[in-house]
Amino acid sequence: MPEVDTLDALEVRLAELQRGGDGEAFMQALFKHYYRPLAGVIFRVVQDRAVAEDLLQDVFMRIWNHRETLVISTTYKAYLYRAAMNAALRHAERRKRQVSWDEAAVPEPARDTTAEHLDGQEAEQLVAEALEALPPQCRAVFLMSRQEGLSYQQIAEALEVAPKTVENQMGKALRIMRDKLSGLLSGLHSWLL
């Protein structure tokens, strides 16, 4: 378990740097170890790389501005994931409210042929659309579990929610994904039989 030892050592080092008042070294360590994974988490929610980078910059700026008074009650990792997720979810909610009728996507009529559903690019598009249909927090939980490989407990800590909430959100995500992808799945099933 060297990763756990490394993570614990990083947590101790970050705490020492923050307490010692070396703000620059503290921020460099945070940035070095967490920028890429946090950018990935935000990107999966907002689906725009430039927006994800802007939101993450805001998260790091808030930490920089409050570095001397910042109190971390969990781990730095959990705190950062929660801050990044909150920024992404706030952005997604604001964006959802700003969509005007002429920008709203009109769903395409369903297609019937199995051959079309088996096309790799179309399947990827259907999965992307199904992910987009998930509510922001539900999508975040699903992606943290399936793409980041985090356990329900780790997700719960990062989002500061109960593990049962994570479990419920995953169940909801899986139901929605199954419903949205039912045409693809049934087409594949009939093709395989």
N, C-alpha and C. Protein backbone atom coordinates (compact mmCIF):
# COMPACT_ATOMS: atom_id res chain seq x y z
N MET A 1 0.80 -1.20 0.00
CA MET A 1 0.00 0.00 0.00
C MET A 1 0.84 1.26 0.00
N PRO A 2 1.79 1.41 -0.90
CA PRO A 2 2.62 2.60 -0.91
C PRO A 2 1.83 3.86 -1.24
N GLU A 3 0.73 3.73 -2.01
CA GLU A 3 -0.06 4.90 -2.37
C GLU A 3 -0.67 5.54 -1.12
N VAL A 4 -1.14 4.70 -0.17
CA VAL A 4 -1.71 5.22 1.07
C VAL A 4 -0.64 5.93 1.87
N ASP A 5 0.55 5.32 1.95
CA ASP A 5 1.66 5.95 2.67
C ASP A 5 2.02 7.27 2.02
N THR A 6 2.07 7.29 0.70
CA THR A 6 2.39 8.52 -0.02
C THR A 6 1.33 9.58 0.22
N LEU A 7 0.06 9.16 0.19
CA LEU A 7 -1.04 10.09 0.42
C LEU A 7 -0.98 10.65 1.83
N ASP A 8 -0.73 9.77 2.82
CA ASP A 8 -0.60 10.24 4.19
C ASP A 8 0.57 11.20 4.34
N ALA A 9 1.69 10.89 3.71
CA ALA A 9 2.86 11.76 3.77
C ALA A 9 2.55 13.11 3.11
N LEU A 10 1.83 13.08 2.02
CA LEU A 10 1.44 14.33 1.36
C LEU A 10 0.54 15.16 2.26
N GLU A 11 -0.42 14.52 2.91
CA GLU A 11 -1.32 15.23 3.82
C GLU A 11 -0.53 15.89 4.95
N VAL A 12 0.42 15.16 5.52
CA VAL A 12 1.25 15.69 6.60
C VAL A 12 2.08 16.86 6.09
N ARG A 13 2.66 16.70 4.91
CA ARG A 13 3.49 17.76 4.32
C ARG A 13 2.67 19.02 4.06
N LEU A 14 1.47 18.86 3.52
CA LEU A 14 0.61 20.01 3.25
C LEU A 14 0.24 20.73 4.54
N ALA A 15 -0.07 19.96 5.58
CA ALA A 15 -0.41 20.56 6.88
C ALA A 15 0.78 21.34 7.44
N GLU A 16 1.99 20.76 7.31
CA GLU A 16 3.19 21.45 7.80
C GLU A 16 3.42 22.75 7.05
N LEU A 17 3.27 22.70 5.72
CA LEU A 17 3.49 23.90 4.92
C LEU A 17 2.46 24.98 5.25
N GLN A 18 1.21 24.57 5.44
CA GLN A 18 0.18 25.55 5.75
C GLN A 18 0.42 26.16 7.13
N ARG A 19 0.69 25.31 8.12
CA ARG A 19 0.95 25.81 9.48
C ARG A 19 2.21 26.67 9.53
N GLY A 20 3.21 26.28 8.76
CA GLY A 20 4.49 26.99 8.77
C GLY A 20 4.44 28.34 8.08
N GLY A 21 3.34 28.62 7.41
CA GLY A 21 3.19 29.92 6.77
C GLY A 21 3.88 30.04 5.43
N ASP A 22 4.38 28.94 4.88
CA ASP A 22 5.02 28.97 3.57
C ASP A 22 3.94 28.79 2.50
N GLY A 23 3.19 29.86 2.27
CA GLY A 23 2.05 29.82 1.36
C GLY A 23 2.41 29.41 -0.05
N GLU A 24 3.54 29.88 -0.52
CA GLU A 24 3.95 29.57 -1.89
C GLU A 24 4.23 28.07 -2.06
N ALA A 25 4.98 27.49 -1.15
CA ALA A 25 5.29 26.06 -1.21
C ALA A 25 4.01 25.24 -1.01
N PHE A 26 3.14 25.71 -0.13
CA PHE A 26 1.86 25.04 0.13
C PHE A 26 1.03 24.98 -1.16
N MET A 27 0.91 26.11 -1.84
CA MET A 27 0.11 26.16 -3.07
C MET A 27 0.77 25.35 -4.19
N GLN A 28 2.09 25.39 -4.27
CA GLN A 28 2.78 24.60 -5.29
C GLN A 28 2.52 23.12 -5.10
N ALA A 29 2.55 22.67 -3.85
CA ALA A 29 2.31 21.25 -3.57
C ALA A 29 0.87 20.87 -3.90
N LEU A 30 -0.08 21.73 -3.50
CA LEU A 30 -1.48 21.46 -3.84
C LEU A 30 -1.65 21.37 -5.35
N PHE A 31 -1.11 22.36 -6.05
CA PHE A 31 -1.25 22.43 -7.50
C PHE A 31 -0.63 21.21 -8.17
N LYS A 32 0.59 20.88 -7.75
CA LYS A 32 1.33 19.77 -8.37
C LYS A 32 0.58 18.44 -8.21
N HIS A 33 0.03 18.20 -7.04
CA HIS A 33 -0.57 16.90 -6.77
C HIS A 33 -2.05 16.80 -7.16
N TYR A 34 -2.74 17.93 -7.22
CA TYR A 34 -4.19 17.84 -7.39
C TYR A 34 -4.77 18.53 -8.63
N TYR A 35 -3.98 19.31 -9.34
CA TYR A 35 -4.54 20.05 -10.47
C TYR A 35 -5.18 19.13 -11.51
N ARG A 36 -4.43 18.16 -11.99
CA ARG A 36 -4.95 17.28 -13.07
C ARG A 36 -6.17 16.48 -12.64
N PRO A 37 -6.15 15.78 -11.49
CA PRO A 37 -7.36 15.02 -11.14
C PRO A 37 -8.57 15.91 -10.90
N LEU A 38 -8.35 17.08 -10.31
CA LEU A 38 -9.49 17.99 -10.06
C LEU A 38 -10.01 18.56 -11.37
N ALA A 39 -9.12 18.88 -12.30
CA ALA A 39 -9.55 19.37 -13.60
C ALA A 39 -10.40 18.32 -14.30
N GLY A 40 -10.01 17.06 -14.17
CA GLY A 40 -10.78 15.97 -14.78
C GLY A 40 -12.16 15.85 -14.17
N VAL A 41 -12.25 15.98 -12.86
CA VAL A 41 -13.54 15.89 -12.18
C VAL A 41 -14.46 17.03 -12.63
N ILE A 42 -13.93 18.23 -12.67
CA ILE A 42 -14.75 19.38 -13.08
C ILE A 42 -15.15 19.24 -14.54
N PHE A 43 -14.21 18.82 -15.39
CA PHE A 43 -14.50 18.69 -16.81
C PHE A 43 -15.65 17.70 -17.05
N ARG A 44 -15.66 16.63 -16.31
CA ARG A 44 -16.70 15.62 -16.51
C ARG A 44 -18.09 16.17 -16.18
N VAL A 45 -18.15 17.19 -15.35
CA VAL A 45 -19.44 17.80 -15.02
C VAL A 45 -19.79 18.90 -16.02
N VAL A 46 -18.84 19.78 -16.34
CA VAL A 46 -19.16 20.93 -17.18
C VAL A 46 -18.96 20.68 -18.67
N GLN A 47 -18.20 19.66 -19.03
CA GLN A 47 -17.98 19.28 -20.43
C GLN A 47 -17.35 20.38 -21.28
N ASP A 48 -16.54 21.22 -20.68
CA ASP A 48 -15.86 22.29 -21.41
C ASP A 48 -14.51 22.52 -20.72
N ARG A 49 -13.44 22.24 -21.45
CA ARG A 49 -12.10 22.28 -20.86
C ARG A 49 -11.74 23.69 -20.36
N ALA A 50 -12.05 24.72 -21.13
CA ALA A 50 -11.71 26.09 -20.73
C ALA A 50 -12.48 26.49 -19.47
N VAL A 51 -13.74 26.13 -19.41
CA VAL A 51 -14.55 26.44 -18.22
C VAL A 51 -14.01 25.67 -17.02
N ALA A 52 -13.65 24.41 -17.23
CA ALA A 52 -13.11 23.59 -16.14
C ALA A 52 -11.84 24.23 -15.58
N GLU A 53 -10.96 24.69 -16.47
CA GLU A 53 -9.73 25.34 -16.02
C GLU A 53 -10.02 26.63 -15.26
N ASP A 54 -10.98 27.42 -15.75
CA ASP A 54 -11.35 28.65 -15.06
C ASP A 54 -11.91 28.36 -13.67
N LEU A 55 -12.79 27.39 -13.59
CA LEU A 55 -13.38 27.04 -12.29
C LEU A 55 -12.31 26.55 -11.33
N LEU A 56 -11.39 25.74 -11.82
CA LEU A 56 -10.32 25.23 -10.96
C LEU A 56 -9.39 26.35 -10.51
N GLN A 57 -9.12 27.28 -11.40
CA GLN A 57 -8.32 28.45 -11.01
C GLN A 57 -9.00 29.21 -9.88
N ASP A 58 -10.33 29.36 -9.99
CA ASP A 58 -11.08 30.04 -8.94
C ASP A 58 -10.94 29.30 -7.60
N VAL A 59 -11.02 27.96 -7.65
CA VAL A 59 -10.87 27.16 -6.44
C VAL A 59 -9.50 27.41 -5.81
N PHE A 60 -8.45 27.35 -6.62
CA PHE A 60 -7.10 27.58 -6.10
C PHE A 60 -6.92 29.02 -5.62
N MET A 61 -7.54 29.97 -6.29
CA MET A 61 -7.43 31.37 -5.84
C MET A 61 -8.11 31.56 -4.48
N ARG A 62 -9.27 30.92 -4.28
CA ARG A 62 -9.94 31.02 -2.99
C ARG A 62 -9.07 30.42 -1.89
N ILE A 63 -8.43 29.31 -2.19
CA ILE A 63 -7.54 28.69 -1.20
C ILE A 63 -6.35 29.61 -0.92
N TRP A 64 -5.77 30.18 -1.97
CA TRP A 64 -4.64 31.11 -1.79
C TRP A 64 -5.05 32.30 -0.92
N ASN A 65 -6.21 32.87 -1.21
CA ASN A 65 -6.67 34.05 -0.47
C ASN A 65 -6.97 33.74 0.99
N HIS A 66 -7.32 32.48 1.30
CA HIS A 66 -7.69 32.11 2.67
C HIS A 66 -6.70 31.11 3.28
N ARG A 67 -5.52 31.00 2.70
CA ARG A 67 -4.58 29.97 3.13
C ARG A 67 -4.18 30.08 4.60
N GLU A 68 -4.15 31.28 5.13
CA GLU A 68 -3.72 31.47 6.51
C GLU A 68 -4.82 31.12 7.51
N THR A 69 -6.07 31.22 7.09
CA THR A 69 -7.18 30.94 7.99
C THR A 69 -7.94 29.68 7.62
N LEU A 70 -7.50 29.01 6.57
CA LEU A 70 -8.18 27.82 6.07
C LEU A 70 -8.11 26.70 7.10
N VAL A 71 -9.27 26.14 7.43
CA VAL A 71 -9.33 25.03 8.37
C VAL A 71 -9.86 23.81 7.61
N ILE A 72 -9.05 22.76 7.58
CA ILE A 72 -9.42 21.53 6.89
C ILE A 72 -9.82 20.51 7.95
N SER A 73 -11.10 20.12 7.95
CA SER A 73 -11.57 19.18 8.97
C SER A 73 -11.48 17.73 8.50
N THR A 74 -11.29 17.52 7.19
CA THR A 74 -11.13 16.16 6.66
C THR A 74 -9.69 16.02 6.18
N THR A 75 -9.50 15.63 4.95
CA THR A 75 -8.18 15.60 4.35
C THR A 75 -8.13 16.70 3.29
N TYR A 76 -6.93 17.09 2.89
CA TYR A 76 -6.81 18.08 1.82
C TYR A 76 -7.44 17.55 0.54
N LYS A 77 -7.24 16.26 0.27
CA LYS A 77 -7.81 15.65 -0.93
C LYS A 77 -9.33 15.76 -0.92
N ALA A 78 -9.97 15.37 0.18
CA ALA A 78 -11.43 15.44 0.27
C ALA A 78 -11.90 16.88 0.16
N TYR A 79 -11.20 17.79 0.82
CA TYR A 79 -11.57 19.20 0.77
C TYR A 79 -11.50 19.74 -0.66
N LEU A 80 -10.41 19.42 -1.35
CA LEU A 80 -10.24 19.90 -2.72
C LEU A 80 -11.26 19.31 -3.68
N TYR A 81 -11.53 18.02 -3.54
CA TYR A 81 -12.55 17.39 -4.39
C TYR A 81 -13.91 18.02 -4.15
N ARG A 82 -14.22 18.29 -2.89
CA ARG A 82 -15.51 18.90 -2.56
C ARG A 82 -15.57 20.32 -3.13
N ALA A 83 -14.52 21.10 -2.98
CA ALA A 83 -14.50 22.46 -3.50
C ALA A 83 -14.64 22.46 -5.02
N ALA A 84 -13.92 21.55 -5.68
CA ALA A 84 -13.99 21.46 -7.14
C ALA A 84 -15.39 21.03 -7.59
N MET A 85 -15.95 20.04 -6.90
CA MET A 85 -17.28 19.56 -7.26
C MET A 85 -18.32 20.65 -7.04
N ASN A 86 -18.22 21.37 -5.94
CA ASN A 86 -19.16 22.47 -5.69
C ASN A 86 -19.07 23.52 -6.79
N ALA A 87 -17.87 23.87 -7.20
CA ALA A 87 -17.70 24.86 -8.27
C ALA A 87 -18.33 24.36 -9.56
N ALA A 88 -18.11 23.10 -9.88
CA ALA A 88 -18.67 22.52 -11.11
C ALA A 88 -20.19 22.47 -11.05
N LEU A 89 -20.74 22.05 -9.91
CA LEU A 89 -22.19 21.95 -9.77
C LEU A 89 -22.85 23.32 -9.80
N ARG A 90 -22.23 24.32 -9.14
CA ARG A 90 -22.77 25.69 -9.20
C ARG A 90 -22.79 26.19 -10.63
N HIS A 91 -21.70 25.94 -11.36
CA HIS A 91 -21.64 26.37 -12.76
C HIS A 91 -22.71 25.67 -13.58
N ALA A 92 -22.88 24.37 -13.38
CA ALA A 92 -23.88 23.62 -14.15
C ALA A 92 -25.28 24.13 -13.86
N GLU A 93 -25.56 24.45 -12.61
CA GLU A 93 -26.89 24.98 -12.26
C GLU A 93 -27.11 26.36 -12.89
N ARG A 94 -26.09 27.23 -12.82
CA ARG A 94 -26.22 28.56 -13.45
C ARG A 94 -26.44 28.42 -14.95
N ARG A 95 -25.68 27.54 -15.55
CA ARG A 95 -25.79 27.34 -17.01
C ARG A 95 -27.16 26.80 -17.38
N LYS A 96 -27.68 25.89 -16.58
CA LYS A 96 -28.98 25.30 -16.85
C LYS A 96 -30.05 26.39 -16.82
N ARG A 97 -29.92 27.32 -15.89
CA ARG A 97 -30.90 28.41 -15.79
C ARG A 97 -30.76 29.41 -16.92
N GLN A 98 -29.58 29.50 -17.53
CA GLN A 98 -29.34 30.49 -18.58
C GLN A 98 -29.71 30.02 -19.97
N VAL A 99 -29.98 28.75 -20.12
CA VAL A 99 -30.29 28.22 -21.46
C VAL A 99 -31.61 28.82 -21.93
N SER A 100 -31.57 29.41 -23.10
CA SER A 100 -32.80 29.97 -23.66
C SER A 100 -33.48 28.93 -24.55
N TRP A 101 -34.73 29.18 -24.89
CA TRP A 101 -35.49 28.23 -25.69
C TRP A 101 -34.85 27.96 -27.04
N ASP A 102 -34.28 28.97 -27.68
CA ASP A 102 -33.70 28.74 -28.99
C ASP A 102 -32.40 27.95 -28.93
N GLU A 103 -31.79 27.85 -27.74
CA GLU A 103 -30.58 27.05 -27.58
C GLU A 103 -30.90 25.64 -27.11
N ALA A 104 -32.13 25.41 -26.69
CA ALA A 104 -32.50 24.10 -26.16
C ALA A 104 -32.41 23.05 -27.26
N ALA A 105 -31.85 21.92 -26.91
CA ALA A 105 -31.69 20.84 -27.89
C ALA A 105 -33.03 20.12 -28.08
N VAL A 106 -33.38 19.90 -29.33
CA VAL A 106 -34.57 19.13 -29.66
C VAL A 106 -34.13 17.69 -29.88
N PRO A 107 -34.71 16.75 -29.13
CA PRO A 107 -34.28 15.37 -29.31
C PRO A 107 -34.58 14.85 -30.70
N GLU A 108 -33.66 14.07 -31.23
CA GLU A 108 -33.85 13.47 -32.55
C GLU A 108 -34.79 12.29 -32.42
N PRO A 109 -35.55 12.00 -33.48
CA PRO A 109 -36.40 10.83 -33.43
C PRO A 109 -35.57 9.56 -33.28
N ALA A 110 -36.13 8.58 -32.62
CA ALA A 110 -35.41 7.32 -32.39
C ALA A 110 -35.21 6.59 -33.71
N ARG A 111 -34.09 5.91 -33.79
CA ARG A 111 -33.79 5.13 -34.99
C ARG A 111 -34.08 3.67 -34.69
N ASP A 112 -34.42 2.91 -35.72
CA ASP A 112 -34.84 1.55 -35.51
C ASP A 112 -33.81 0.49 -35.88
N THR A 113 -32.86 0.80 -36.71
CA THR A 113 -31.99 -0.26 -37.21
C THR A 113 -30.86 -0.56 -36.25
N THR A 114 -30.61 -1.83 -36.08
CA THR A 114 -29.54 -2.29 -35.21
C THR A 114 -28.19 -1.87 -35.76
N ALA A 115 -28.04 -1.87 -37.06
CA ALA A 115 -26.77 -1.51 -37.67
C ALA A 115 -26.35 -0.10 -37.27
N GLU A 116 -27.31 0.82 -37.21
CA GLU A 116 -26.97 2.19 -36.82
C GLU A 116 -26.52 2.24 -35.36
N HIS A 117 -27.16 1.44 -34.51
CA HIS A 117 -26.81 1.45 -33.09
C HIS A 117 -25.44 0.83 -32.83
N LEU A 118 -25.00 -0.02 -33.73
CA LEU A 118 -23.72 -0.68 -33.53
C LEU A 118 -22.54 0.16 -33.99
N ASP A 119 -22.80 1.22 -34.68
CA ASP A 119 -21.74 2.12 -35.12
C ASP A 119 -21.07 2.71 -33.88
N GLY A 120 -19.77 2.57 -33.79
CA GLY A 120 -19.03 3.00 -32.60
C GLY A 120 -19.21 4.46 -32.25
N GLN A 121 -19.15 5.33 -33.24
CA GLN A 121 -19.27 6.76 -32.95
C GLN A 121 -20.67 7.09 -32.46
N GLU A 122 -21.66 6.46 -33.04
CA GLU A 122 -23.03 6.73 -32.60
C GLU A 122 -23.25 6.22 -31.18
N ALA A 123 -22.69 5.07 -30.89
CA ALA A 123 -22.81 4.52 -29.53
C ALA A 123 -22.17 5.46 -28.53
N GLU A 124 -20.99 5.98 -28.86
CA GLU A 124 -20.32 6.94 -27.97
C GLU A 124 -21.17 8.18 -27.77
N GLN A 125 -21.79 8.65 -28.86
CA GLN A 125 -22.65 9.82 -28.78
C GLN A 125 -23.85 9.54 -27.88
N LEU A 126 -24.44 8.36 -28.00
CA LEU A 126 -25.58 8.01 -27.17
C LEU A 126 -25.19 7.95 -25.69
N VAL A 127 -24.03 7.40 -25.41
CA VAL A 127 -23.55 7.35 -24.03
C VAL A 127 -23.30 8.77 -23.50
N ALA A 128 -22.70 9.62 -24.34
CA ALA A 128 -22.45 11.01 -23.93
C ALA A 128 -23.77 11.72 -23.65
N GLU A 129 -24.77 11.50 -24.48
CA GLU A 129 -26.08 12.12 -24.28
C GLU A 129 -26.74 11.59 -23.01
N ALA A 130 -26.59 10.29 -22.76
CA ALA A 130 -27.16 9.71 -21.55
C ALA A 130 -26.48 10.30 -20.31
N LEU A 131 -25.16 10.49 -20.36
CA LEU A 131 -24.44 11.13 -19.25
C LEU A 131 -24.91 12.57 -19.06
N GLU A 132 -25.13 13.27 -20.16
CA GLU A 132 -25.57 14.66 -20.11
C GLU A 132 -26.97 14.77 -19.50
N ALA A 133 -27.78 13.72 -19.66
CA ALA A 133 -29.14 13.73 -19.13
C ALA A 133 -29.18 13.56 -17.61
N LEU A 134 -28.07 13.11 -17.03
CA LEU A 134 -28.03 12.92 -15.58
C LEU A 134 -28.01 14.28 -14.88
N PRO A 135 -28.69 14.40 -13.75
CA PRO A 135 -28.58 15.63 -12.95
C PRO A 135 -27.11 15.82 -12.55
N PRO A 136 -26.65 17.04 -12.38
CA PRO A 136 -25.22 17.30 -12.13
C PRO A 136 -24.60 16.48 -11.00
N GLN A 137 -25.24 16.42 -9.83
CA GLN A 137 -24.63 15.68 -8.73
C GLN A 137 -24.64 14.19 -9.01
N CYS A 138 -25.69 13.72 -9.64
CA CYS A 138 -25.80 12.31 -10.01
C CYS A 138 -24.68 11.95 -11.00
N ARG A 139 -24.46 12.82 -12.00
CA ARG A 139 -23.40 12.61 -12.99
C ARG A 139 -22.04 12.61 -12.31
N ALA A 140 -21.86 13.53 -11.39
CA ALA A 140 -20.57 13.63 -10.70
C ALA A 140 -20.28 12.34 -9.92
N VAL A 141 -21.27 11.84 -9.20
CA VAL A 141 -21.09 10.61 -8.43
C VAL A 141 -20.78 9.45 -9.37
N PHE A 142 -21.54 9.35 -10.46
CA PHE A 142 -21.34 8.28 -11.43
C PHE A 142 -19.92 8.32 -12.00
N LEU A 143 -19.48 9.50 -12.42
CA LEU A 143 -18.15 9.63 -13.02
C LEU A 143 -17.03 9.42 -12.01
N MET A 144 -17.23 9.89 -10.78
CA MET A 144 -16.20 9.68 -9.76
C MET A 144 -16.05 8.18 -9.48
N SER A 145 -17.17 7.46 -9.54
CA SER A 145 -17.12 6.02 -9.31
C SER A 145 -16.54 5.28 -10.50
N ARG A 146 -17.09 5.54 -11.68
CA ARG A 146 -16.74 4.74 -12.85
C ARG A 146 -15.45 5.18 -13.54
N GLN A 147 -15.18 6.48 -13.57
CA GLN A 147 -13.99 6.94 -14.28
C GLN A 147 -12.82 7.23 -13.35
N GLU A 148 -13.11 7.74 -12.17
CA GLU A 148 -12.03 8.03 -11.22
C GLU A 148 -11.69 6.80 -10.39
N GLY A 149 -12.61 5.83 -10.34
CA GLY A 149 -12.38 4.61 -9.58
C GLY A 149 -12.46 4.79 -8.08
N LEU A 150 -13.17 5.83 -7.63
CA LEU A 150 -13.29 6.08 -6.19
C LEU A 150 -14.37 5.18 -5.60
N SER A 151 -14.18 4.78 -4.36
CA SER A 151 -15.19 3.98 -3.66
C SER A 151 -16.32 4.89 -3.22
N TYR A 152 -17.45 4.29 -2.86
CA TYR A 152 -18.59 5.09 -2.37
C TYR A 152 -18.17 5.91 -1.15
N GLN A 153 -17.37 5.32 -0.27
CA GLN A 153 -16.91 6.02 0.93
C GLN A 153 -16.05 7.23 0.55
N GLN A 154 -15.13 7.05 -0.40
CA GLN A 154 -14.28 8.17 -0.84
C GLN A 154 -15.11 9.27 -1.48
N ILE A 155 -16.09 8.89 -2.27
CA ILE A 155 -16.97 9.88 -2.91
C ILE A 155 -17.76 10.61 -1.84
N ALA A 156 -18.28 9.88 -0.87
CA ALA A 156 -19.05 10.49 0.22
C ALA A 156 -18.19 11.51 0.97
N GLU A 157 -16.93 11.16 1.24
CA GLU A 157 -16.04 12.09 1.94
C GLU A 157 -15.74 13.31 1.07
N ALA A 158 -15.50 13.10 -0.22
CA ALA A 158 -15.18 14.21 -1.10
C ALA A 158 -16.36 15.15 -1.26
N LEU A 159 -17.57 14.61 -1.28
CA LEU A 159 -18.76 15.43 -1.48
C LEU A 159 -19.43 15.84 -0.17
N GLU A 160 -18.87 15.34 0.94
CA GLU A 160 -19.41 15.61 2.27
C GLU A 160 -20.89 15.23 2.36
N VAL A 161 -21.18 14.02 1.93
CA VAL A 161 -22.52 13.46 2.03
C VAL A 161 -22.41 12.07 2.65
N ALA A 162 -23.53 11.50 3.00
CA ALA A 162 -23.54 10.15 3.57
C ALA A 162 -23.28 9.12 2.47
N PRO A 163 -22.61 8.01 2.81
CA PRO A 163 -22.40 6.96 1.81
C PRO A 163 -23.72 6.46 1.21
N LYS A 164 -24.77 6.46 2.00
CA LYS A 164 -26.09 6.04 1.49
C LYS A 164 -26.57 6.99 0.39
N THR A 165 -26.26 8.28 0.51
CA THR A 165 -26.62 9.25 -0.53
C THR A 165 -25.88 8.93 -1.81
N VAL A 166 -24.61 8.59 -1.69
CA VAL A 166 -23.82 8.20 -2.87
C VAL A 166 -24.43 6.96 -3.51
N GLU A 167 -24.79 5.99 -2.67
CA GLU A 167 -25.41 4.76 -3.18
C GLU A 167 -26.72 5.08 -3.91
N ASN A 168 -27.54 5.94 -3.33
CA ASN A 168 -28.80 6.33 -3.97
C ASN A 168 -28.56 7.05 -5.29
N GLN A 169 -27.58 7.95 -5.32
CA GLN A 169 -27.27 8.69 -6.54
C GLN A 169 -26.75 7.74 -7.63
N MET A 170 -25.96 6.73 -7.24
CA MET A 170 -25.48 5.76 -8.22
C MET A 170 -26.63 4.94 -8.78
N GLY A 171 -27.55 4.53 -7.90
CA GLY A 171 -28.72 3.78 -8.36
C GLY A 171 -29.54 4.60 -9.34
N LYS A 172 -29.73 5.87 -9.02
CA LYS A 172 -30.48 6.77 -9.90
C LYS A 172 -29.75 6.92 -11.24
N ALA A 173 -28.44 7.10 -11.18
CA ALA A 173 -27.65 7.26 -12.41
C ALA A 173 -27.75 6.02 -13.28
N LEU A 174 -27.65 4.85 -12.67
CA LEU A 174 -27.71 3.61 -13.43
C LEU A 174 -29.10 3.41 -14.05
N ARG A 175 -30.16 3.78 -13.33
CA ARG A 175 -31.51 3.67 -13.89
C ARG A 175 -31.67 4.59 -15.09
N ILE A 176 -31.22 5.83 -14.96
CA ILE A 176 -31.35 6.79 -16.05
C ILE A 176 -30.52 6.34 -17.25
N MET A 177 -29.29 5.90 -16.99
CA MET A 177 -28.43 5.44 -18.08
C MET A 177 -29.06 4.23 -18.79
N ARG A 178 -29.60 3.30 -18.01
CA ARG A 178 -30.25 2.13 -18.59
C ARG A 178 -31.43 2.54 -19.47
N ASP A 179 -32.27 3.48 -18.97
CA ASP A 179 -33.41 3.95 -19.75
C ASP A 179 -32.96 4.64 -21.04
N LYS A 180 -31.97 5.52 -20.92
CA LYS A 180 -31.50 6.27 -22.08
C LYS A 180 -30.82 5.37 -23.12
N LEU A 181 -30.18 4.31 -22.65
CA LEU A 181 -29.45 3.44 -23.56
C LEU A 181 -30.21 2.15 -23.89
N SER A 182 -31.48 2.09 -23.51
CA SER A 182 -32.24 0.85 -23.72
C SER A 182 -32.33 0.47 -25.20
N GLY A 183 -32.48 1.46 -26.08
CA GLY A 183 -32.54 1.17 -27.51
C GLY A 183 -31.24 0.55 -28.01
N LEU A 184 -30.14 1.10 -27.58
CA LEU A 184 -28.83 0.58 -27.96
C LEU A 184 -28.64 -0.83 -27.40
N LEU A 185 -29.00 -1.01 -26.13
CA LEU A 185 -28.81 -2.30 -25.48
C LEU A 185 -29.72 -3.37 -26.09
N SER A 186 -30.98 -3.03 -26.37
CA SER A 186 -31.87 -4.03 -26.95
C SER A 186 -31.45 -4.36 -28.37
N GLY A 187 -30.98 -3.35 -29.13
CA GLY A 187 -30.49 -3.59 -30.48
C GLY A 187 -29.29 -4.50 -30.46
N LEU A 188 -28.40 -4.29 -29.53
CA LEU A 188 -27.22 -5.13 -29.41
C LEU A 188 -27.62 -6.54 -28.99
N HIS A 189 -28.55 -6.62 -28.05
CA HIS A 189 -29.01 -7.93 -27.56
C HIS A 189 -29.63 -8.75 -28.70
N SER A 190 -30.50 -8.13 -29.50
CA SER A 190 -31.13 -8.87 -30.59
C SER A 190 -30.12 -9.22 -31.68
N TRP A 191 -29.13 -8.40 -31.89
CA TRP A 191 -28.11 -8.67 -32.89
C TRP A 191 -27.24 -9.86 -32.47
N LEU A 192 -26.94 -9.92 -31.14
CA LEU A 192 -26.08 -10.97 -30.64
C LEU A 192 -26.80 -12.33 -30.62
N LEU A 193 -28.11 -12.33 -30.45
CA LEU A 193 -28.86 -13.60 -30.39
C LEU A 193 -29.19 -14.07 -31.75
